[in-house]
Structure formats: C-alpha cells, structure tokens
Amino acid sequence: MAGSPVPPRYDIPETDAFTRPYWEAAAQGRLLIRRCTTCARPHHYPREFCPHCWSEDVVWEEASGRASLYTWSAVHRNDLPPFRDRTPYIAAVVDLVEGPRMMTEIVGCTASELRPGMELAVAFREGVPVFGPGRA
C-alpha cells in the first residue's frame, strides 16, 4: 500500500553525526575503534570521551579486524524482524587484538565449532561488523 510507513530495522543502528565515520567505514569493509590521545588506550563502542581517563581527546583508528572469541550464546528465538528470520544465530562478545571487547554475531560456523579464544576475523553484513573463523 502506497504511503505505508516503513517498519523500523532493529539490526542496523541509527547513524548520527558522531557515529557517521564508524558506519561509513563499515560500509566500506573497515572496522574503526576509538583511541585516546591522552592515555593511548583504545575503546569500543564509539564514545566522544575516553572511558578510561575521561579525556575528550579521542580519535578514530582502523582496527586490524582480528579478534578472539570471549563468550557466545546461540539464539533460537527472537521475535523482532529481521532476527526472527535468522534464528538460530550466535550472539557473541569478542576481544579485538587492539584490546577493546565488542558485541557481535558469529557467522560461518555453528555453535558446536566454537571454542573460547578461537581466532576470528571481521566480515560485514549490510555494513554491520560480524565475525567468523579465521584471520583478517
């Protein structure tokens, strides 16, 4: 029906002026993190200040795309679109080699193939970083 509202997407965050560089890089297949120029520590998710020393002197930095698996859970039920069509999927937390920990989805393998510390590499699905087995 013409003029019907488009249902919201729950798998792609809204972009704002601050996060635009992150999402534009992801659309190009690059993973960005933030690094504090005061204490030199990296962090993720993107924030306008350093969560370690509270400095506002933070810059974007391209990450290697390599990570290790910290923890995961197989999701068998999720009623929100588009997740209901993707079940089962693997929600996970990974440790980037640069140091920050990030939430993501594991692709390219089953939950039974996963092991703590497993080497992972970033991939991108519709401009959203996901991780799978291997090295970037």
N, C-alpha and C. Protein backbone atom coordinates (compact mmCIF):
# COMPACT_ATOMS: atom_id res chain seq x y z
N MET A 1 0.83 -1.16 0.00
CA MET A 1 0.00 0.00 0.00
C MET A 1 0.89 1.24 0.00
N ALA A 2 0.65 2.14 -0.91
CA ALA A 2 1.45 3.36 -1.04
C ALA A 2 1.32 4.21 0.20
N GLY A 3 2.43 4.79 0.62
CA GLY A 3 2.42 5.67 1.76
C GLY A 3 2.45 4.96 3.11
N SER A 4 2.55 3.63 3.11
CA SER A 4 2.64 2.90 4.37
C SER A 4 3.99 3.16 5.00
N PRO A 5 4.02 3.32 6.32
CA PRO A 5 5.30 3.55 6.97
C PRO A 5 6.20 2.32 6.86
N VAL A 6 7.49 2.58 6.72
CA VAL A 6 8.47 1.50 6.66
C VAL A 6 8.73 1.03 8.08
N PRO A 7 8.62 -0.28 8.34
CA PRO A 7 8.86 -0.75 9.69
C PRO A 7 10.32 -0.51 10.08
N PRO A 8 10.58 -0.25 11.36
CA PRO A 8 11.95 0.01 11.79
C PRO A 8 12.83 -1.23 11.66
N ARG A 9 14.12 -0.98 11.41
CA ARG A 9 15.10 -2.07 11.38
C ARG A 9 15.79 -2.09 12.73
N TYR A 10 15.82 -3.24 13.35
CA TYR A 10 16.43 -3.36 14.67
C TYR A 10 17.87 -3.85 14.60
N ASP A 11 18.33 -4.23 13.40
CA ASP A 11 19.68 -4.77 13.27
C ASP A 11 20.69 -3.74 12.78
N ILE A 12 20.25 -2.56 12.40
CA ILE A 12 21.15 -1.51 11.92
C ILE A 12 20.90 -0.27 12.77
N PRO A 13 21.89 0.12 13.59
CA PRO A 13 21.70 1.29 14.44
C PRO A 13 21.49 2.57 13.64
N GLU A 14 20.83 3.53 14.26
CA GLU A 14 20.67 4.83 13.62
C GLU A 14 22.02 5.55 13.63
N THR A 15 22.32 6.20 12.52
CA THR A 15 23.56 6.95 12.39
C THR A 15 23.30 8.39 12.80
N ASP A 16 24.26 8.95 13.55
CA ASP A 16 24.20 10.37 13.85
C ASP A 16 25.54 10.99 13.43
N ALA A 17 25.69 12.29 13.63
CA ALA A 17 26.90 12.97 13.17
C ALA A 17 28.15 12.39 13.81
N PHE A 18 28.08 11.98 15.07
CA PHE A 18 29.25 11.43 15.74
C PHE A 18 29.62 10.04 15.21
N THR A 19 28.63 9.15 15.04
CA THR A 19 28.93 7.77 14.63
C THR A 19 29.04 7.59 13.12
N ARG A 20 28.73 8.62 12.36
CA ARG A 20 28.77 8.51 10.89
C ARG A 20 30.11 7.95 10.37
N PRO A 21 31.28 8.43 10.84
CA PRO A 21 32.54 7.86 10.34
C PRO A 21 32.64 6.34 10.57
N TYR A 22 32.14 5.87 11.71
CA TYR A 22 32.17 4.44 12.01
C TYR A 22 31.35 3.65 10.99
N TRP A 23 30.11 4.10 10.75
CA TRP A 23 29.22 3.37 9.85
C TRP A 23 29.63 3.52 8.39
N GLU A 24 30.18 4.66 8.01
CA GLU A 24 30.68 4.82 6.64
C GLU A 24 31.87 3.90 6.40
N ALA A 25 32.77 3.78 7.37
CA ALA A 25 33.91 2.87 7.24
C ALA A 25 33.41 1.42 7.16
N ALA A 26 32.45 1.07 8.00
CA ALA A 26 31.91 -0.30 7.98
C ALA A 26 31.29 -0.62 6.62
N ALA A 27 30.62 0.35 6.02
CA ALA A 27 30.03 0.14 4.69
C ALA A 27 31.11 -0.11 3.64
N GLN A 28 32.33 0.35 3.91
CA GLN A 28 33.47 0.14 3.02
C GLN A 28 34.29 -1.09 3.43
N GLY A 29 33.83 -1.83 4.44
CA GLY A 29 34.55 -3.02 4.88
C GLY A 29 35.72 -2.74 5.81
N ARG A 30 35.64 -1.63 6.56
CA ARG A 30 36.70 -1.28 7.51
C ARG A 30 36.10 -1.13 8.91
N LEU A 31 36.79 -1.67 9.91
CA LEU A 31 36.34 -1.58 11.29
C LEU A 31 37.12 -0.49 12.01
N LEU A 32 36.41 0.47 12.57
CA LEU A 32 37.05 1.55 13.31
C LEU A 32 36.83 1.38 14.81
N ILE A 33 37.82 1.80 15.58
CA ILE A 33 37.70 1.92 17.02
C ILE A 33 38.15 3.32 17.39
N ARG A 34 38.01 3.68 18.65
CA ARG A 34 38.46 4.99 19.13
C ARG A 34 39.71 4.78 19.99
N ARG A 35 40.65 5.73 19.89
CA ARG A 35 41.85 5.69 20.73
C ARG A 35 42.01 7.05 21.39
N CYS A 36 42.33 7.02 22.67
CA CYS A 36 42.56 8.23 23.43
C CYS A 36 43.98 8.71 23.17
N THR A 37 44.14 9.98 22.83
CA THR A 37 45.49 10.51 22.61
C THR A 37 46.14 10.93 23.92
N THR A 38 45.39 10.94 25.01
CA THR A 38 45.94 11.29 26.31
C THR A 38 46.55 10.07 26.99
N CYS A 39 45.78 9.00 27.14
CA CYS A 39 46.28 7.79 27.82
C CYS A 39 46.67 6.68 26.84
N ALA A 40 46.38 6.86 25.56
CA ALA A 40 46.74 5.93 24.47
C ALA A 40 45.94 4.63 24.48
N ARG A 41 44.91 4.53 25.30
CA ARG A 41 44.13 3.28 25.34
C ARG A 41 42.99 3.32 24.32
N PRO A 42 42.79 2.19 23.63
CA PRO A 42 41.67 2.11 22.68
C PRO A 42 40.39 1.74 23.39
N HIS A 43 39.26 2.04 22.75
CA HIS A 43 37.97 1.62 23.29
C HIS A 43 36.95 1.42 22.17
N HIS A 44 35.95 0.64 22.51
CA HIS A 44 34.83 0.39 21.62
C HIS A 44 33.66 0.08 22.54
N TYR A 45 32.59 0.55 22.38
CA TYR A 45 31.84 1.22 21.35
C TYR A 45 32.30 2.67 21.25
N PRO A 46 32.04 3.32 20.11
CA PRO A 46 32.48 4.71 19.93
C PRO A 46 31.83 5.67 20.93
N ARG A 47 32.68 6.43 21.59
CA ARG A 47 32.22 7.46 22.53
C ARG A 47 33.02 8.73 22.26
N GLU A 48 32.50 9.85 22.68
CA GLU A 48 33.16 11.13 22.47
C GLU A 48 34.20 11.42 23.53
N PHE A 49 34.36 10.53 24.49
CA PHE A 49 35.34 10.69 25.56
C PHE A 49 35.97 9.34 25.85
N CYS A 50 37.11 9.34 26.50
CA CYS A 50 37.79 8.10 26.87
C CYS A 50 37.16 7.54 28.14
N PRO A 51 36.71 6.28 28.12
CA PRO A 51 36.11 5.69 29.32
C PRO A 51 37.15 5.34 30.38
N HIS A 52 38.43 5.46 30.04
CA HIS A 52 39.50 5.12 30.99
C HIS A 52 39.97 6.34 31.78
N CYS A 53 40.21 7.48 31.07
CA CYS A 53 40.74 8.67 31.76
C CYS A 53 39.82 9.89 31.60
N TRP A 54 38.71 9.74 30.87
CA TRP A 54 37.70 10.77 30.68
C TRP A 54 38.14 11.91 29.76
N SER A 55 39.28 11.76 29.11
CA SER A 55 39.73 12.78 28.17
C SER A 55 38.79 12.84 26.98
N GLU A 56 38.63 14.02 26.42
CA GLU A 56 37.85 14.18 25.19
C GLU A 56 38.75 14.17 23.96
N ASP A 57 40.04 13.91 24.15
CA ASP A 57 41.00 13.84 23.04
C ASP A 57 41.06 12.42 22.51
N VAL A 58 40.03 12.04 21.76
CA VAL A 58 39.96 10.70 21.19
C VAL A 58 39.84 10.81 19.68
N VAL A 59 40.44 9.83 18.99
CA VAL A 59 40.46 9.83 17.53
C VAL A 59 40.01 8.47 17.01
N TRP A 60 39.57 8.47 15.76
CA TRP A 60 39.22 7.22 15.07
C TRP A 60 40.51 6.53 14.65
N GLU A 61 40.50 5.20 14.68
CA GLU A 61 41.64 4.40 14.26
C GLU A 61 41.11 3.13 13.60
N GLU A 62 41.73 2.73 12.50
CA GLU A 62 41.29 1.49 11.86
C GLU A 62 41.83 0.29 12.61
N ALA A 63 40.95 -0.63 12.95
CA ALA A 63 41.34 -1.86 13.64
C ALA A 63 41.77 -2.90 12.62
N SER A 64 42.51 -3.89 13.08
CA SER A 64 43.01 -4.95 12.20
C SER A 64 41.91 -5.87 11.71
N GLY A 65 40.82 -5.97 12.47
CA GLY A 65 39.75 -6.91 12.11
C GLY A 65 39.97 -8.29 12.69
N ARG A 66 41.02 -8.45 13.48
CA ARG A 66 41.29 -9.74 14.13
C ARG A 66 40.79 -9.70 15.56
N ALA A 67 40.29 -10.85 16.02
CA ALA A 67 39.73 -10.94 17.37
C ALA A 67 39.82 -12.37 17.86
N SER A 68 39.56 -12.53 19.14
CA SER A 68 39.42 -13.88 19.71
C SER A 68 38.07 -13.94 20.41
N LEU A 69 37.50 -15.12 20.41
CA LEU A 69 36.16 -15.32 20.97
C LEU A 69 36.22 -15.32 22.49
N TYR A 70 35.45 -14.46 23.12
CA TYR A 70 35.39 -14.39 24.58
C TYR A 70 34.24 -15.24 25.10
N THR A 71 33.03 -14.98 24.61
CA THR A 71 31.87 -15.77 25.02
C THR A 71 30.80 -15.70 23.94
N TRP A 72 29.83 -16.60 23.98
CA TRP A 72 28.79 -16.63 22.96
C TRP A 72 27.55 -17.33 23.48
N SER A 73 26.47 -17.15 22.75
CA SER A 73 25.21 -17.81 23.06
C SER A 73 24.45 -18.03 21.76
N ALA A 74 23.93 -19.22 21.58
CA ALA A 74 23.09 -19.50 20.42
C ALA A 74 21.69 -18.98 20.71
N VAL A 75 21.18 -18.14 19.83
CA VAL A 75 19.84 -17.56 19.99
C VAL A 75 18.89 -18.35 19.09
N HIS A 76 17.92 -18.99 19.70
CA HIS A 76 16.98 -19.82 18.96
C HIS A 76 15.63 -19.15 18.75
N ARG A 77 15.40 -18.06 19.50
CA ARG A 77 14.13 -17.37 19.34
C ARG A 77 14.34 -15.87 19.53
N ASN A 78 13.86 -15.12 18.55
CA ASN A 78 13.87 -13.66 18.62
C ASN A 78 12.73 -13.19 17.73
N ASP A 79 11.77 -12.55 18.28
CA ASP A 79 10.58 -12.17 17.53
C ASP A 79 10.71 -10.87 16.76
N LEU A 80 11.81 -10.13 16.96
CA LEU A 80 11.98 -8.87 16.24
C LEU A 80 12.46 -9.10 14.82
N PRO A 81 11.86 -8.41 13.85
CA PRO A 81 12.39 -8.50 12.50
C PRO A 81 13.71 -7.73 12.43
N PRO A 82 14.68 -8.15 11.70
CA PRO A 82 14.75 -9.33 10.86
C PRO A 82 15.31 -10.54 11.57
N PHE A 83 15.51 -10.45 12.90
CA PHE A 83 16.16 -11.55 13.62
C PHE A 83 15.37 -12.84 13.59
N ARG A 84 14.03 -12.74 13.58
CA ARG A 84 13.24 -13.98 13.60
C ARG A 84 13.54 -14.84 12.38
N ASP A 85 13.94 -14.22 11.26
CA ASP A 85 14.26 -14.98 10.06
C ASP A 85 15.69 -15.51 10.06
N ARG A 86 16.49 -15.10 11.04
CA ARG A 86 17.90 -15.52 11.11
C ARG A 86 18.15 -16.60 12.15
N THR A 87 17.15 -16.93 12.95
CA THR A 87 17.38 -17.91 14.01
C THR A 87 17.59 -19.29 13.41
N PRO A 88 18.44 -20.09 14.02
CA PRO A 88 19.29 -19.73 15.13
C PRO A 88 20.50 -18.92 14.65
N TYR A 89 20.97 -18.01 15.49
CA TYR A 89 22.19 -17.28 15.21
C TYR A 89 23.02 -17.22 16.49
N ILE A 90 24.27 -16.82 16.36
CA ILE A 90 25.18 -16.83 17.50
C ILE A 90 25.53 -15.40 17.88
N ALA A 91 25.04 -14.97 19.03
CA ALA A 91 25.41 -13.67 19.59
C ALA A 91 26.70 -13.89 20.38
N ALA A 92 27.64 -12.96 20.27
CA ALA A 92 28.94 -13.19 20.90
C ALA A 92 29.57 -11.89 21.38
N VAL A 93 30.57 -12.06 22.23
CA VAL A 93 31.47 -10.99 22.64
C VAL A 93 32.86 -11.43 22.22
N VAL A 94 33.56 -10.55 21.53
CA VAL A 94 34.92 -10.86 21.07
C VAL A 94 35.90 -9.84 21.62
N ASP A 95 37.14 -10.27 21.78
CA ASP A 95 38.23 -9.39 22.19
C ASP A 95 39.02 -9.02 20.94
N LEU A 96 38.97 -7.75 20.56
CA LEU A 96 39.77 -7.29 19.43
C LEU A 96 41.24 -7.35 19.82
N VAL A 97 42.14 -7.64 18.85
CA VAL A 97 43.56 -7.71 19.19
C VAL A 97 44.08 -6.37 19.69
N GLU A 98 43.41 -5.29 19.34
CA GLU A 98 43.81 -3.97 19.81
C GLU A 98 43.46 -3.75 21.28
N GLY A 99 42.61 -4.61 21.84
CA GLY A 99 42.26 -4.52 23.25
C GLY A 99 40.79 -4.42 23.58
N PRO A 100 40.02 -3.60 22.87
CA PRO A 100 38.60 -3.49 23.24
C PRO A 100 37.82 -4.79 23.03
N ARG A 101 36.78 -4.90 23.80
CA ARG A 101 35.84 -6.02 23.70
C ARG A 101 34.60 -5.48 23.00
N MET A 102 34.00 -6.26 22.09
CA MET A 102 32.79 -5.80 21.42
C MET A 102 31.78 -6.91 21.24
N MET A 103 30.52 -6.52 21.23
CA MET A 103 29.43 -7.46 20.95
C MET A 103 29.30 -7.59 19.44
N THR A 104 28.91 -8.78 18.99
CA THR A 104 28.81 -9.03 17.56
C THR A 104 27.98 -10.29 17.33
N GLU A 105 27.99 -10.73 16.11
CA GLU A 105 27.39 -12.01 15.73
C GLU A 105 28.46 -12.85 15.08
N ILE A 106 28.45 -14.15 15.34
CA ILE A 106 29.39 -15.08 14.71
C ILE A 106 28.71 -15.68 13.49
N VAL A 107 29.42 -15.67 12.37
CA VAL A 107 28.90 -16.23 11.12
C VAL A 107 29.91 -17.25 10.58
N GLY A 108 29.45 -18.11 9.70
CA GLY A 108 30.35 -19.03 9.01
C GLY A 108 30.70 -20.28 9.77
N CYS A 109 30.04 -20.55 10.89
CA CYS A 109 30.27 -21.79 11.62
C CYS A 109 29.09 -22.02 12.56
N THR A 110 29.05 -23.17 13.16
CA THR A 110 27.97 -23.50 14.10
C THR A 110 28.47 -23.30 15.52
N ALA A 111 27.55 -23.23 16.45
CA ALA A 111 27.91 -23.06 17.86
C ALA A 111 28.79 -24.20 18.35
N SER A 112 28.58 -25.41 17.85
CA SER A 112 29.38 -26.56 18.31
C SER A 112 30.84 -26.46 17.85
N GLU A 113 31.13 -25.62 16.87
CA GLU A 113 32.51 -25.45 16.39
C GLU A 113 33.28 -24.38 17.17
N LEU A 114 32.60 -23.64 18.01
CA LEU A 114 33.23 -22.53 18.71
C LEU A 114 33.99 -22.99 19.94
N ARG A 115 35.09 -22.30 20.21
CA ARG A 115 35.93 -22.55 21.37
C ARG A 115 36.37 -21.22 21.96
N PRO A 116 36.46 -21.11 23.29
CA PRO A 116 36.98 -19.87 23.88
C PRO A 116 38.37 -19.57 23.33
N GLY A 117 38.62 -18.32 23.00
CA GLY A 117 39.91 -17.92 22.47
C GLY A 117 40.09 -18.17 20.98
N MET A 118 39.10 -18.74 20.33
CA MET A 118 39.16 -19.04 18.90
C MET A 118 39.48 -17.77 18.10
N GLU A 119 40.39 -17.88 17.13
CA GLU A 119 40.73 -16.74 16.28
C GLU A 119 39.58 -16.44 15.32
N LEU A 120 39.26 -15.16 15.22
CA LEU A 120 38.16 -14.71 14.37
C LEU A 120 38.61 -13.54 13.51
N ALA A 121 37.89 -13.35 12.43
CA ALA A 121 38.17 -12.22 11.53
C ALA A 121 36.85 -11.51 11.23
N VAL A 122 36.94 -10.19 11.10
CA VAL A 122 35.75 -9.40 10.84
C VAL A 122 35.27 -9.62 9.40
N ALA A 123 33.97 -9.59 9.24
CA ALA A 123 33.30 -9.57 7.94
C ALA A 123 32.20 -8.52 8.10
N PHE A 124 31.54 -8.18 7.04
CA PHE A 124 30.50 -7.16 7.13
C PHE A 124 29.25 -7.65 6.43
N ARG A 125 28.11 -7.53 7.11
CA ARG A 125 26.83 -7.87 6.53
C ARG A 125 25.98 -6.60 6.55
N GLU A 126 25.66 -6.12 5.37
CA GLU A 126 24.88 -4.88 5.22
C GLU A 126 25.49 -3.74 6.03
N GLY A 127 26.83 -3.66 6.02
CA GLY A 127 27.51 -2.57 6.70
C GLY A 127 27.61 -2.72 8.21
N VAL A 128 27.32 -3.90 8.73
CA VAL A 128 27.42 -4.17 10.16
C VAL A 128 28.53 -5.20 10.37
N PRO A 129 29.49 -4.91 11.28
CA PRO A 129 30.56 -5.89 11.51
C PRO A 129 30.06 -7.15 12.20
N VAL A 130 30.44 -8.28 11.64
CA VAL A 130 30.20 -9.60 12.21
C VAL A 130 31.54 -10.32 12.16
N PHE A 131 31.67 -11.43 12.86
CA PHE A 131 32.96 -12.13 12.88
C PHE A 131 32.76 -13.59 12.53
N GLY A 132 33.80 -14.17 11.91
CA GLY A 132 33.79 -15.58 11.56
C GLY A 132 35.17 -16.17 11.77
N PRO A 133 35.28 -17.49 11.63
CA PRO A 133 36.57 -18.16 11.84
C PRO A 133 37.64 -17.62 10.89
N GLY A 134 38.86 -17.58 11.39
CA GLY A 134 39.99 -17.20 10.53
C GLY A 134 40.70 -15.96 10.99
N ARG A 135 41.61 -15.52 10.14
CA ARG A 135 42.43 -14.35 10.42
C ARG A 135 42.17 -13.29 9.36
N ALA A 136 42.07 -12.05 9.81
CA ALA A 136 41.85 -10.93 8.88
C ALA A 136 43.16 -10.58 8.19
